[in-house]
C-alpha cells in the first residue's frame, strides 16, 4: 500500500486514526446531551434535538474541538466529564504495532491533531503512546484546524518538512482534502474509525482496515 522509500515524514491523526473514535462519538452524542439535559430539565431526546444543531454549527472550525468553548457554551466542565468516561479510551487494532515499527524506522513521526490540549493530555496519559512520536502538535497551537489551509502553512513554518515526501493518515475526509490541496504526497484514511459502527465504503481516499496492512517498515534506527 505504501512505498516506504518515498516517505521521510509520517503525519498521524489521533482520534479515529490511532484511537477508537467510539470514545468521542459516545461523549458528544450521548453523554454530554444526557448530562446537559439533566442539568437543564430536558429528556435525552430533547437534549439531542437542542444540542446537535449547536454542535454542528461549529463543524470545521476550531471551536468544534475547543473544550473551553463548549464548557462556557454549555455550562459544563467538559474536561471533568471526559475524565469520567476515560475507561472507554482505546487504541485501534494494531496501532501500537504500527507505531513501534515507525519508531524503529528512520522516519520522522509526528502526531498532528485537532484535539484540545486538555483532551490530548488525557488521551496520551491514558494510552501511553506519546513516546512513539518525535513531535506532538495540536492545531490549537496554530489557531486553525487541520481543515483550514492556514494550518498547513503554519505547520511548515514551525517544523519544516517536504510535503511531497510525507504520508498523512487521518479519518476525516475534509482534513485529507486540505492536506491534498497543500501538496501532501501520500494520503490514507481509516475504514472504521469507530469500532461500534460498520466500516465506511465508497471513500474518496484509500482506506486502511488494519495497520498491519502498512507493514513492514524498513527498520534503520538502532
N, C-alpha and C. Protein backbone atom coordinates (compact mmCIF):
# COMPACT_ATOMS: atom_id res chain seq x y z
N UNK A 1 0.82 -1.21 0.00
CA UNK A 1 0.00 0.00 0.00
C UNK A 1 0.86 1.26 0.00
N UNK A 2 2.04 1.20 0.61
CA UNK A 2 2.93 2.35 0.69
C UNK A 2 4.34 1.92 0.31
N UNK A 3 4.98 2.70 -0.56
CA UNK A 3 6.40 2.51 -0.86
C UNK A 3 7.16 3.37 0.14
N UNK A 4 7.68 2.75 1.18
CA UNK A 4 8.29 3.50 2.27
C UNK A 4 9.56 4.24 1.86
N UNK A 5 10.16 3.87 0.72
CA UNK A 5 11.34 4.58 0.26
C UNK A 5 11.00 6.00 -0.19
N UNK A 6 9.71 6.28 -0.40
CA UNK A 6 9.27 7.60 -0.84
C UNK A 6 8.84 8.49 0.33
N UNK A 7 8.95 7.97 1.55
CA UNK A 7 8.42 8.68 2.73
C UNK A 7 9.56 9.08 3.67
N UNK A 8 9.60 10.36 4.02
CA UNK A 8 10.51 10.86 5.06
C UNK A 8 9.77 11.16 6.36
N UNK A 9 8.56 11.71 6.23
CA UNK A 9 7.81 12.18 7.39
C UNK A 9 6.44 11.51 7.42
N UNK A 10 6.08 10.99 8.59
CA UNK A 10 4.77 10.36 8.76
C UNK A 10 3.96 11.22 9.71
N UNK A 11 2.83 11.70 9.22
CA UNK A 11 1.92 12.55 10.00
C UNK A 11 0.69 11.72 10.36
N UNK A 12 0.41 11.62 11.64
CA UNK A 12 -0.69 10.77 12.10
C UNK A 12 -1.69 11.58 12.92
N UNK A 13 -2.95 11.42 12.57
CA UNK A 13 -4.05 11.94 13.38
C UNK A 13 -4.18 11.06 14.63
N UNK A 14 -4.93 11.52 15.62
CA UNK A 14 -5.14 10.73 16.83
C UNK A 14 -6.53 10.11 16.87
N UNK A 15 -7.56 10.92 17.05
CA UNK A 15 -8.93 10.40 17.26
C UNK A 15 -9.51 9.85 15.96
N UNK A 16 -9.88 8.58 15.98
CA UNK A 16 -10.42 7.93 14.81
C UNK A 16 -9.36 7.33 13.91
N UNK A 17 -8.10 7.63 14.20
CA UNK A 17 -6.98 7.07 13.43
C UNK A 17 -6.17 6.13 14.31
N UNK A 18 -5.55 6.66 15.34
CA UNK A 18 -4.82 5.83 16.29
C UNK A 18 -5.72 5.35 17.42
N UNK A 19 -6.68 6.19 17.81
CA UNK A 19 -7.59 5.85 18.90
C UNK A 19 -8.99 5.60 18.34
N UNK A 20 -9.70 4.70 18.98
CA UNK A 20 -11.07 4.37 18.58
C UNK A 20 -11.95 5.61 18.75
N UNK A 21 -12.65 5.99 17.69
CA UNK A 21 -13.49 7.18 17.73
C UNK A 21 -14.75 6.97 18.57
N UNK A 22 -14.99 5.75 19.02
CA UNK A 22 -16.17 5.49 19.84
C UNK A 22 -16.19 6.38 21.09
N UNK A 23 -15.02 6.62 21.67
CA UNK A 23 -14.96 7.48 22.86
C UNK A 23 -15.58 8.84 22.58
N UNK A 24 -15.14 9.50 21.52
CA UNK A 24 -15.62 10.85 21.22
C UNK A 24 -17.05 10.84 20.72
N UNK A 25 -17.41 9.86 19.91
CA UNK A 25 -18.79 9.79 19.42
C UNK A 25 -19.77 9.60 20.58
N UNK A 26 -19.43 8.69 21.48
CA UNK A 26 -20.30 8.46 22.64
C UNK A 26 -20.36 9.71 23.52
N UNK A 27 -19.20 10.34 23.71
CA UNK A 27 -19.14 11.51 24.59
C UNK A 27 -20.05 12.62 24.10
N UNK A 28 -19.95 12.97 22.83
CA UNK A 28 -20.69 14.12 22.31
C UNK A 28 -22.12 13.78 21.91
N UNK A 29 -22.35 12.56 21.49
CA UNK A 29 -23.69 12.21 21.01
C UNK A 29 -24.61 11.68 22.10
N UNK A 30 -24.04 11.14 23.18
CA UNK A 30 -24.85 10.54 24.23
C UNK A 30 -24.59 11.15 25.61
N UNK A 31 -23.34 11.16 26.04
CA UNK A 31 -23.02 11.53 27.42
C UNK A 31 -23.26 13.01 27.69
N UNK A 32 -22.75 13.88 26.83
CA UNK A 32 -22.96 15.32 27.03
C UNK A 32 -24.44 15.67 26.97
N UNK A 33 -25.21 15.20 25.97
CA UNK A 33 -26.65 15.50 25.99
C UNK A 33 -27.36 14.99 27.24
N UNK A 34 -26.94 13.83 27.74
CA UNK A 34 -27.56 13.29 28.95
C UNK A 34 -27.29 14.19 30.16
N UNK A 35 -26.03 14.58 30.35
CA UNK A 35 -25.67 15.41 31.50
C UNK A 35 -26.27 16.81 31.36
N UNK A 36 -26.17 17.39 30.18
CA UNK A 36 -26.72 18.73 29.95
C UNK A 36 -28.24 18.73 30.11
N UNK A 37 -28.89 17.69 29.63
CA UNK A 37 -30.33 17.60 29.76
C UNK A 37 -30.77 17.47 31.21
N UNK A 38 -30.05 16.67 31.98
CA UNK A 38 -30.36 16.50 33.40
C UNK A 38 -30.20 17.83 34.13
N UNK A 39 -29.18 18.60 33.74
CA UNK A 39 -28.92 19.89 34.39
C UNK A 39 -29.97 20.93 34.02
N UNK A 40 -30.55 20.79 32.83
CA UNK A 40 -31.47 21.81 32.32
C UNK A 40 -32.92 21.34 32.21
N UNK A 41 -33.21 20.17 32.77
CA UNK A 41 -34.58 19.71 32.81
C UNK A 41 -35.13 19.20 31.49
N UNK A 42 -34.27 18.59 30.66
CA UNK A 42 -34.71 18.05 29.38
C UNK A 42 -34.54 16.54 29.36
N UNK A 43 -35.36 15.88 28.60
CA UNK A 43 -35.15 14.46 28.34
C UNK A 43 -33.94 14.32 27.42
N UNK A 44 -33.43 13.09 27.29
CA UNK A 44 -32.29 12.87 26.41
C UNK A 44 -32.65 13.23 24.97
N UNK A 45 -33.83 12.85 24.54
CA UNK A 45 -34.26 13.16 23.17
C UNK A 45 -34.35 14.67 22.95
N UNK A 46 -34.88 15.39 23.93
CA UNK A 46 -34.97 16.84 23.81
C UNK A 46 -33.58 17.47 23.77
N UNK A 47 -32.70 16.96 24.61
CA UNK A 47 -31.33 17.49 24.65
C UNK A 47 -30.63 17.33 23.31
N UNK A 48 -30.78 16.15 22.73
CA UNK A 48 -30.15 15.92 21.43
C UNK A 48 -30.70 16.87 20.38
N UNK A 49 -32.00 17.07 20.41
CA UNK A 49 -32.64 17.95 19.43
C UNK A 49 -32.15 19.38 19.58
N UNK A 50 -31.87 19.79 20.80
CA UNK A 50 -31.41 21.15 21.06
C UNK A 50 -29.90 21.31 20.85
N UNK A 51 -29.13 20.28 21.22
CA UNK A 51 -27.68 20.41 21.19
C UNK A 51 -27.06 20.11 19.83
N UNK A 52 -27.56 19.13 19.13
CA UNK A 52 -26.92 18.72 17.89
C UNK A 52 -26.74 19.87 16.90
N UNK A 53 -27.77 20.71 16.69
CA UNK A 53 -27.56 21.84 15.76
C UNK A 53 -26.50 22.83 16.25
N UNK A 54 -26.41 23.03 17.55
CA UNK A 54 -25.40 23.94 18.10
C UNK A 54 -24.00 23.38 17.88
N UNK A 55 -23.85 22.09 18.07
CA UNK A 55 -22.56 21.46 17.83
C UNK A 55 -22.22 21.50 16.35
N UNK A 56 -23.18 21.14 15.52
CA UNK A 56 -22.94 21.04 14.08
C UNK A 56 -22.57 22.39 13.48
N UNK A 57 -23.08 23.47 14.05
CA UNK A 57 -22.81 24.81 13.53
C UNK A 57 -21.32 25.17 13.60
N UNK A 58 -20.57 24.48 14.45
CA UNK A 58 -19.15 24.77 14.60
C UNK A 58 -18.25 23.78 13.87
N UNK A 59 -18.85 22.84 13.16
CA UNK A 59 -18.05 21.83 12.45
C UNK A 59 -17.07 22.51 11.49
N UNK A 60 -15.83 22.05 11.51
CA UNK A 60 -14.80 22.61 10.64
C UNK A 60 -14.10 23.83 11.20
N UNK A 61 -14.61 24.35 12.31
CA UNK A 61 -13.97 25.48 12.99
C UNK A 61 -13.19 24.97 14.21
N UNK A 62 -12.28 25.81 14.71
CA UNK A 62 -11.51 25.40 15.88
C UNK A 62 -12.40 25.23 17.09
N UNK A 63 -13.50 26.00 17.16
CA UNK A 63 -14.42 25.86 18.29
C UNK A 63 -15.01 24.45 18.39
N UNK A 64 -15.17 23.80 17.26
CA UNK A 64 -15.70 22.42 17.25
C UNK A 64 -14.89 21.52 18.17
N UNK A 65 -13.59 21.78 18.24
CA UNK A 65 -12.66 20.95 19.00
C UNK A 65 -12.27 21.55 20.36
N UNK A 66 -12.77 22.77 20.65
CA UNK A 66 -12.28 23.51 21.81
C UNK A 66 -13.10 23.21 23.06
N UNK A 67 -12.48 22.56 24.03
CA UNK A 67 -13.18 22.22 25.26
C UNK A 67 -13.53 23.46 26.08
N UNK A 68 -12.69 24.48 26.02
CA UNK A 68 -13.00 25.72 26.73
C UNK A 68 -14.27 26.35 26.16
N UNK A 69 -14.38 26.35 24.85
CA UNK A 69 -15.57 26.91 24.20
C UNK A 69 -16.83 26.19 24.66
N UNK A 70 -16.81 24.87 24.64
CA UNK A 70 -18.02 24.11 24.97
C UNK A 70 -18.32 24.13 26.47
N UNK A 71 -17.30 24.23 27.28
CA UNK A 71 -17.54 24.38 28.73
C UNK A 71 -18.30 25.67 29.01
N UNK A 72 -17.89 26.76 28.34
CA UNK A 72 -18.56 28.05 28.52
C UNK A 72 -19.94 28.04 27.88
N UNK A 73 -20.04 27.45 26.70
CA UNK A 73 -21.29 27.45 25.94
C UNK A 73 -22.38 26.63 26.62
N UNK A 74 -21.99 25.50 27.22
CA UNK A 74 -22.98 24.57 27.78
C UNK A 74 -23.07 24.63 29.30
N UNK A 75 -22.16 25.36 29.94
CA UNK A 75 -22.17 25.41 31.39
C UNK A 75 -21.78 24.09 32.03
N UNK A 76 -20.88 23.38 31.39
CA UNK A 76 -20.42 22.08 31.88
C UNK A 76 -18.90 22.08 31.98
N UNK A 77 -18.37 21.25 32.87
CA UNK A 77 -16.93 21.06 32.94
C UNK A 77 -16.59 19.91 31.99
N UNK A 78 -16.31 20.25 30.74
CA UNK A 78 -16.13 19.23 29.71
C UNK A 78 -14.92 18.34 30.01
N UNK A 79 -13.85 18.93 30.51
CA UNK A 79 -12.66 18.13 30.83
C UNK A 79 -12.97 17.10 31.91
N UNK A 80 -13.69 17.51 32.95
CA UNK A 80 -14.05 16.59 34.03
C UNK A 80 -14.97 15.48 33.51
N UNK A 81 -15.87 15.83 32.60
CA UNK A 81 -16.77 14.81 32.03
C UNK A 81 -16.00 13.80 31.19
N UNK A 82 -15.01 14.26 30.46
CA UNK A 82 -14.18 13.33 29.69
C UNK A 82 -13.43 12.38 30.63
N UNK A 83 -12.98 12.92 31.76
CA UNK A 83 -12.30 12.09 32.74
C UNK A 83 -13.23 10.97 33.25
N UNK A 84 -14.50 11.29 33.38
CA UNK A 84 -15.45 10.30 33.91
C UNK A 84 -15.56 9.06 33.03
N UNK A 85 -15.40 9.22 31.73
CA UNK A 85 -15.57 8.06 30.84
C UNK A 85 -14.25 7.66 30.17
N UNK A 86 -13.13 8.03 30.79
CA UNK A 86 -11.83 7.73 30.17
C UNK A 86 -11.60 6.22 30.01
N UNK A 87 -12.36 5.40 30.76
CA UNK A 87 -12.21 3.95 30.60
C UNK A 87 -12.61 3.49 29.21
N UNK A 88 -13.32 4.33 28.46
CA UNK A 88 -13.72 3.97 27.10
C UNK A 88 -12.63 4.26 26.07
N UNK A 89 -11.58 4.94 26.47
CA UNK A 89 -10.48 5.22 25.56
C UNK A 89 -9.77 3.93 25.17
N UNK A 90 -9.51 3.76 23.89
CA UNK A 90 -8.87 2.53 23.42
C UNK A 90 -8.06 2.81 22.16
N UNK A 91 -6.91 2.16 22.06
CA UNK A 91 -6.10 2.23 20.85
C UNK A 91 -6.74 1.34 19.79
N UNK A 92 -6.75 1.80 18.55
CA UNK A 92 -7.30 0.99 17.46
C UNK A 92 -6.43 -0.23 17.22
N UNK A 93 -7.02 -1.26 16.64
CA UNK A 93 -6.33 -2.52 16.41
C UNK A 93 -5.03 -2.31 15.63
N UNK A 94 -3.96 -2.87 16.13
CA UNK A 94 -2.63 -2.87 15.50
C UNK A 94 -1.94 -1.50 15.52
N UNK A 95 -2.57 -0.48 16.09
CA UNK A 95 -1.95 0.84 16.08
C UNK A 95 -0.63 0.83 16.85
N UNK A 96 -0.60 0.10 17.96
CA UNK A 96 0.64 0.06 18.75
C UNK A 96 1.76 -0.67 17.99
N UNK A 97 1.41 -1.71 17.25
CA UNK A 97 2.40 -2.43 16.45
C UNK A 97 2.96 -1.52 15.35
N UNK A 98 2.07 -0.78 14.72
CA UNK A 98 2.45 0.16 13.67
C UNK A 98 3.35 1.26 14.23
N UNK A 99 2.99 1.83 15.37
CA UNK A 99 3.78 2.88 15.97
C UNK A 99 5.17 2.38 16.37
N UNK A 100 5.23 1.15 16.86
CA UNK A 100 6.54 0.58 17.23
C UNK A 100 7.42 0.43 16.00
N UNK A 101 6.83 -0.03 14.90
CA UNK A 101 7.60 -0.18 13.67
C UNK A 101 8.09 1.18 13.16
N UNK A 102 7.24 2.19 13.25
CA UNK A 102 7.66 3.53 12.85
C UNK A 102 8.78 4.06 13.73
N UNK A 103 8.66 3.83 15.03
CA UNK A 103 9.68 4.30 15.97
C UNK A 103 11.03 3.66 15.71
N UNK A 104 11.02 2.44 15.19
CA UNK A 104 12.26 1.73 14.89
C UNK A 104 12.80 2.06 13.51
N UNK A 105 12.09 2.87 12.76
CA UNK A 105 12.49 3.21 11.40
C UNK A 105 13.25 4.53 11.38
N UNK A 106 13.60 4.97 10.17
CA UNK A 106 14.31 6.25 10.03
C UNK A 106 13.35 7.41 9.79
N UNK A 107 12.05 7.15 9.84
CA UNK A 107 11.07 8.19 9.53
C UNK A 107 10.90 9.17 10.70
N UNK A 108 10.62 10.43 10.35
CA UNK A 108 10.16 11.38 11.36
C UNK A 108 8.68 11.13 11.57
N UNK A 109 8.27 10.93 12.82
CA UNK A 109 6.88 10.55 13.11
C UNK A 109 6.26 11.64 13.98
N UNK A 110 5.24 12.31 13.43
CA UNK A 110 4.58 13.40 14.13
C UNK A 110 3.11 13.08 14.31
N UNK A 111 2.57 13.39 15.47
CA UNK A 111 1.13 13.41 15.64
C UNK A 111 0.67 14.83 15.38
N UNK A 112 -0.30 14.98 14.49
CA UNK A 112 -0.93 16.29 14.29
C UNK A 112 -2.43 16.09 14.52
N UNK A 113 -2.95 16.77 15.49
CA UNK A 113 -4.32 16.53 15.93
C UNK A 113 -5.07 17.83 16.15
N UNK A 114 -6.38 17.78 15.95
CA UNK A 114 -7.25 18.91 16.30
C UNK A 114 -7.67 18.88 17.76
N UNK A 115 -7.25 17.87 18.48
CA UNK A 115 -7.67 17.74 19.89
C UNK A 115 -7.19 18.94 20.71
N UNK A 116 -8.07 19.41 21.57
CA UNK A 116 -7.72 20.47 22.53
C UNK A 116 -6.62 19.95 23.45
N UNK A 117 -5.69 20.81 23.87
CA UNK A 117 -4.58 20.35 24.72
C UNK A 117 -5.01 19.55 25.95
N UNK A 118 -6.12 19.89 26.58
CA UNK A 118 -6.58 19.13 27.75
C UNK A 118 -7.03 17.73 27.36
N UNK A 119 -7.72 17.61 26.23
CA UNK A 119 -8.14 16.29 25.74
C UNK A 119 -6.92 15.49 25.30
N UNK A 120 -5.98 16.16 24.66
CA UNK A 120 -4.76 15.49 24.22
C UNK A 120 -4.00 14.92 25.41
N UNK A 121 -3.87 15.71 26.46
CA UNK A 121 -3.14 15.26 27.65
C UNK A 121 -3.82 14.04 28.27
N UNK A 122 -5.13 14.09 28.39
CA UNK A 122 -5.88 12.97 28.95
C UNK A 122 -5.65 11.70 28.15
N UNK A 123 -5.74 11.81 26.84
CA UNK A 123 -5.64 10.62 25.98
C UNK A 123 -4.22 10.07 25.94
N UNK A 124 -3.24 10.95 25.92
CA UNK A 124 -1.86 10.48 25.93
C UNK A 124 -1.51 9.81 27.26
N UNK A 125 -2.00 10.38 28.35
CA UNK A 125 -1.75 9.78 29.66
C UNK A 125 -2.38 8.40 29.76
N UNK A 126 -3.58 8.26 29.21
CA UNK A 126 -4.32 7.00 29.34
C UNK A 126 -3.79 5.92 28.41
N UNK A 127 -3.33 6.30 27.23
CA UNK A 127 -2.92 5.31 26.24
C UNK A 127 -1.41 5.07 26.19
N UNK A 128 -0.63 6.00 26.76
CA UNK A 128 0.83 5.86 26.82
C UNK A 128 1.48 5.71 25.44
N UNK A 129 0.98 6.47 24.45
CA UNK A 129 1.56 6.38 23.11
C UNK A 129 2.49 7.55 22.79
N UNK A 130 2.62 8.50 23.69
CA UNK A 130 3.40 9.71 23.40
C UNK A 130 4.84 9.40 23.02
N UNK A 131 5.43 8.37 23.63
CA UNK A 131 6.83 8.06 23.40
C UNK A 131 7.16 7.60 22.00
N UNK A 132 6.16 7.29 21.20
CA UNK A 132 6.39 6.84 19.83
C UNK A 132 6.65 7.99 18.86
N UNK A 133 6.41 9.24 19.31
CA UNK A 133 6.42 10.36 18.38
C UNK A 133 7.63 11.27 18.58
N UNK A 134 8.13 11.80 17.46
CA UNK A 134 9.18 12.81 17.51
C UNK A 134 8.60 14.17 17.86
N UNK A 135 7.36 14.41 17.42
CA UNK A 135 6.66 15.65 17.73
C UNK A 135 5.18 15.36 17.91
N UNK A 136 4.55 16.09 18.83
CA UNK A 136 3.10 16.03 19.02
C UNK A 136 2.58 17.46 18.94
N UNK A 137 1.73 17.71 17.95
CA UNK A 137 1.31 19.08 17.65
C UNK A 137 -0.21 19.16 17.59
N UNK A 138 -0.77 20.10 18.34
CA UNK A 138 -2.21 20.36 18.33
C UNK A 138 -2.49 21.59 17.47
N UNK A 139 -3.55 21.51 16.68
CA UNK A 139 -3.92 22.66 15.84
C UNK A 139 -4.22 23.90 16.67
N UNK A 140 -4.52 23.73 17.96
CA UNK A 140 -4.80 24.88 18.82
C UNK A 140 -3.55 25.74 19.00
N UNK A 141 -2.37 25.16 18.77
CA UNK A 141 -1.13 25.94 18.82
C UNK A 141 -1.03 26.90 17.64
N UNK A 142 -1.70 26.56 16.54
CA UNK A 142 -1.58 27.33 15.30
C UNK A 142 -2.77 28.25 15.05
N UNK A 143 -3.85 28.06 15.82
CA UNK A 143 -5.01 28.93 15.66
C UNK A 143 -5.95 28.56 14.54
N UNK A 144 -5.69 27.45 13.88
CA UNK A 144 -6.55 26.97 12.79
C UNK A 144 -6.64 25.45 12.86
N UNK A 145 -7.80 24.87 12.54
CA UNK A 145 -7.91 23.42 12.49
C UNK A 145 -7.26 22.87 11.22
N UNK A 146 -7.06 21.58 11.18
CA UNK A 146 -6.40 20.96 10.02
C UNK A 146 -7.21 21.10 8.74
N UNK A 147 -8.50 21.36 8.85
CA UNK A 147 -9.34 21.58 7.67
C UNK A 147 -8.99 22.87 6.93
N UNK A 148 -8.30 23.78 7.60
CA UNK A 148 -8.03 25.11 7.06
C UNK A 148 -6.63 25.15 6.43
N UNK A 149 -6.50 25.74 5.24
CA UNK A 149 -5.17 25.78 4.60
C UNK A 149 -4.10 26.47 5.43
N UNK A 150 -4.51 27.43 6.26
CA UNK A 150 -3.50 28.15 7.06
C UNK A 150 -2.83 27.24 8.07
N UNK A 151 -3.53 26.20 8.52
CA UNK A 151 -2.90 25.25 9.44
C UNK A 151 -1.63 24.68 8.82
N UNK A 152 -1.73 24.28 7.56
CA UNK A 152 -0.61 23.62 6.89
C UNK A 152 0.55 24.58 6.67
N UNK A 153 0.25 25.83 6.36
CA UNK A 153 1.31 26.81 6.20
C UNK A 153 2.02 27.05 7.53
N UNK A 154 1.25 27.14 8.61
CA UNK A 154 1.86 27.38 9.92
C UNK A 154 2.62 26.16 10.43
N UNK A 155 2.13 24.97 10.10
CA UNK A 155 2.88 23.76 10.44
C UNK A 155 4.24 23.78 9.76
N UNK A 156 4.26 24.11 8.47
CA UNK A 156 5.51 24.16 7.71
C UNK A 156 6.46 25.21 8.27
N UNK A 157 5.94 26.35 8.70
CA UNK A 157 6.77 27.40 9.28
C UNK A 157 7.37 26.96 10.61
N UNK A 158 6.61 26.16 11.37
CA UNK A 158 7.06 25.74 12.70
C UNK A 158 8.06 24.59 12.62
N UNK A 159 7.75 23.60 11.82
CA UNK A 159 8.62 22.43 11.66
C UNK A 159 8.70 22.08 10.17
N UNK A 160 9.65 22.67 9.47
CA UNK A 160 9.74 22.45 8.02
C UNK A 160 9.86 20.97 7.64
N UNK A 161 9.15 20.61 6.58
CA UNK A 161 9.21 19.25 6.04
C UNK A 161 8.91 19.32 4.56
N UNK A 162 9.11 18.20 3.87
CA UNK A 162 8.85 18.14 2.43
C UNK A 162 7.50 17.50 2.19
N UNK A 163 6.47 18.28 1.84
CA UNK A 163 5.12 17.73 1.70
C UNK A 163 5.03 16.54 0.75
N UNK A 164 5.75 16.59 -0.36
CA UNK A 164 5.67 15.52 -1.35
C UNK A 164 6.19 14.20 -0.81
N UNK A 165 7.03 14.24 0.22
CA UNK A 165 7.60 13.02 0.80
C UNK A 165 7.01 12.74 2.18
N UNK A 166 5.80 13.21 2.38
CA UNK A 166 5.10 12.98 3.66
C UNK A 166 3.91 12.05 3.44
N UNK A 167 3.69 11.16 4.41
CA UNK A 167 2.49 10.33 4.47
C UNK A 167 1.63 10.88 5.60
N UNK A 168 0.34 11.10 5.28
CA UNK A 168 -0.59 11.60 6.28
C UNK A 168 -1.77 10.64 6.36
N UNK A 169 -2.09 10.18 7.57
CA UNK A 169 -3.22 9.28 7.78
C UNK A 169 -4.20 9.96 8.73
N UNK A 170 -5.46 10.08 8.29
CA UNK A 170 -6.49 10.77 9.06
C UNK A 170 -7.83 10.17 8.70
N UNK A 171 -8.75 10.12 9.65
CA UNK A 171 -10.08 9.58 9.36
C UNK A 171 -11.01 10.61 8.73
N UNK A 172 -10.65 11.89 8.78
CA UNK A 172 -11.52 12.96 8.28
C UNK A 172 -11.25 13.25 6.81
N UNK A 173 -12.28 13.11 5.99
CA UNK A 173 -12.13 13.37 4.57
C UNK A 173 -11.86 14.85 4.30
N UNK A 174 -12.53 15.74 5.03
CA UNK A 174 -12.32 17.17 4.82
C UNK A 174 -10.89 17.57 5.18
N UNK A 175 -10.32 16.96 6.21
CA UNK A 175 -8.94 17.23 6.58
C UNK A 175 -7.99 16.72 5.49
N UNK A 176 -8.25 15.54 4.97
CA UNK A 176 -7.41 14.97 3.93
C UNK A 176 -7.47 15.81 2.65
N UNK A 177 -8.62 16.37 2.35
CA UNK A 177 -8.72 17.26 1.18
C UNK A 177 -7.83 18.48 1.36
N UNK A 178 -7.83 19.04 2.56
CA UNK A 178 -6.98 20.20 2.83
C UNK A 178 -5.51 19.83 2.69
N UNK A 179 -5.15 18.65 3.18
CA UNK A 179 -3.76 18.18 3.07
C UNK A 179 -3.37 17.96 1.61
N UNK A 180 -4.29 17.40 0.85
CA UNK A 180 -4.03 17.19 -0.59
C UNK A 180 -3.84 18.51 -1.30
N UNK A 181 -4.68 19.49 -0.98
CA UNK A 181 -4.57 20.81 -1.60
C UNK A 181 -3.24 21.48 -1.26
N UNK A 182 -2.73 21.19 -0.06
CA UNK A 182 -1.44 21.77 0.34
C UNK A 182 -0.28 21.09 -0.38
N UNK A 183 -0.47 19.85 -0.81
CA UNK A 183 0.59 19.16 -1.53
C UNK A 183 1.17 17.95 -0.82
N UNK A 184 0.50 17.48 0.26
CA UNK A 184 0.97 16.27 0.93
C UNK A 184 0.89 15.12 -0.09
N UNK A 185 2.00 14.41 -0.25
CA UNK A 185 2.12 13.47 -1.35
C UNK A 185 1.43 12.14 -1.18
N UNK A 186 1.26 11.69 0.06
CA UNK A 186 0.73 10.34 0.30
C UNK A 186 -0.36 10.43 1.37
N UNK A 187 -1.56 10.03 1.02
CA UNK A 187 -2.72 10.21 1.89
C UNK A 187 -3.49 8.90 2.04
N UNK A 188 -3.83 8.58 3.28
CA UNK A 188 -4.65 7.40 3.57
C UNK A 188 -5.71 7.79 4.59
N UNK A 189 -6.84 7.12 4.55
CA UNK A 189 -7.86 7.31 5.57
C UNK A 189 -8.09 5.99 6.29
N UNK A 190 -9.04 5.98 7.20
CA UNK A 190 -9.33 4.84 8.05
C UNK A 190 -10.71 4.29 7.69
N UNK A 191 -10.78 2.99 7.46
CA UNK A 191 -12.05 2.39 7.04
C UNK A 191 -13.09 2.42 8.15
N UNK A 192 -12.66 2.15 9.39
CA UNK A 192 -13.60 2.01 10.50
C UNK A 192 -13.11 2.80 11.71
N UNK A 193 -13.28 4.12 11.71
CA UNK A 193 -12.78 4.94 12.84
C UNK A 193 -13.42 4.59 14.17
N UNK A 194 -14.72 4.25 14.15
CA UNK A 194 -15.47 3.89 15.36
C UNK A 194 -15.74 2.39 15.31
N UNK A 195 -15.19 1.66 16.28
CA UNK A 195 -15.31 0.20 16.28
C UNK A 195 -16.75 -0.28 16.44
N UNK A 196 -17.62 0.61 16.91
CA UNK A 196 -19.01 0.22 17.13
C UNK A 196 -19.89 0.49 15.89
N UNK A 197 -19.31 1.06 14.84
CA UNK A 197 -20.02 1.35 13.61
C UNK A 197 -19.44 0.52 12.47
N UNK A 198 -20.20 0.27 11.42
CA UNK A 198 -19.68 -0.52 10.30
C UNK A 198 -18.56 0.23 9.57
N UNK A 199 -17.69 -0.50 8.88
CA UNK A 199 -16.67 0.15 8.06
C UNK A 199 -17.32 1.06 7.00
N UNK A 200 -16.66 2.14 6.70
CA UNK A 200 -17.16 3.07 5.69
C UNK A 200 -16.81 2.55 4.30
N UNK A 201 -17.65 2.86 3.33
CA UNK A 201 -17.43 2.42 1.96
C UNK A 201 -17.49 3.61 1.02
N UNK A 202 -16.95 3.42 -0.21
CA UNK A 202 -17.01 4.46 -1.22
C UNK A 202 -16.27 5.72 -0.85
N UNK A 203 -15.14 5.57 -0.15
CA UNK A 203 -14.41 6.73 0.33
C UNK A 203 -13.55 7.34 -0.79
N UNK A 204 -13.28 8.60 -0.64
CA UNK A 204 -12.52 9.35 -1.64
C UNK A 204 -11.04 9.01 -1.62
N UNK A 205 -10.55 8.51 -0.48
CA UNK A 205 -9.14 8.18 -0.31
C UNK A 205 -9.01 6.69 0.01
N UNK A 206 -7.86 6.13 -0.31
CA UNK A 206 -7.59 4.73 0.03
C UNK A 206 -7.68 4.55 1.53
N UNK A 207 -8.40 3.53 1.97
CA UNK A 207 -8.68 3.34 3.39
C UNK A 207 -7.92 2.15 3.96
N UNK A 208 -7.39 2.33 5.15
CA UNK A 208 -6.70 1.28 5.90
C UNK A 208 -7.70 0.57 6.79
N UNK A 209 -7.77 -0.75 6.67
CA UNK A 209 -8.62 -1.52 7.58
C UNK A 209 -7.88 -1.84 8.86
N UNK A 210 -6.64 -2.31 8.71
CA UNK A 210 -5.77 -2.65 9.84
C UNK A 210 -4.38 -2.12 9.55
N UNK A 211 -3.71 -1.60 10.55
CA UNK A 211 -2.40 -1.02 10.34
C UNK A 211 -1.36 -2.04 9.89
N UNK A 212 -1.60 -3.31 10.13
CA UNK A 212 -0.66 -4.32 9.66
C UNK A 212 -0.55 -4.33 8.14
N UNK A 213 -1.56 -3.76 7.46
CA UNK A 213 -1.52 -3.66 6.01
C UNK A 213 -0.37 -2.76 5.55
N UNK A 214 0.13 -1.91 6.43
CA UNK A 214 1.19 -0.97 6.08
C UNK A 214 2.58 -1.50 6.45
N UNK A 215 2.64 -2.68 7.01
CA UNK A 215 3.91 -3.26 7.42
C UNK A 215 4.40 -4.26 6.36
N UNK A 216 5.72 -4.51 6.32
CA UNK A 216 6.78 -3.99 7.20
C UNK A 216 7.25 -2.60 6.80
N UNK A 217 7.88 -1.93 7.75
CA UNK A 217 8.56 -0.67 7.51
C UNK A 217 10.05 -0.92 7.72
N UNK A 218 10.88 -0.55 6.77
CA UNK A 218 12.32 -0.79 6.95
C UNK A 218 12.82 -0.23 8.28
N UNK A 219 13.41 -1.06 9.09
CA UNK A 219 13.91 -0.67 10.41
C UNK A 219 15.37 -0.28 10.30
N UNK A 220 15.64 1.01 10.48
CA UNK A 220 17.01 1.51 10.31
C UNK A 220 17.58 2.03 11.62
N UNK A 221 16.73 2.60 12.48
CA UNK A 221 17.23 3.17 13.73
C UNK A 221 17.79 2.07 14.63
N UNK A 222 18.86 2.41 15.35
CA UNK A 222 19.44 1.45 16.28
C UNK A 222 18.54 1.25 17.48
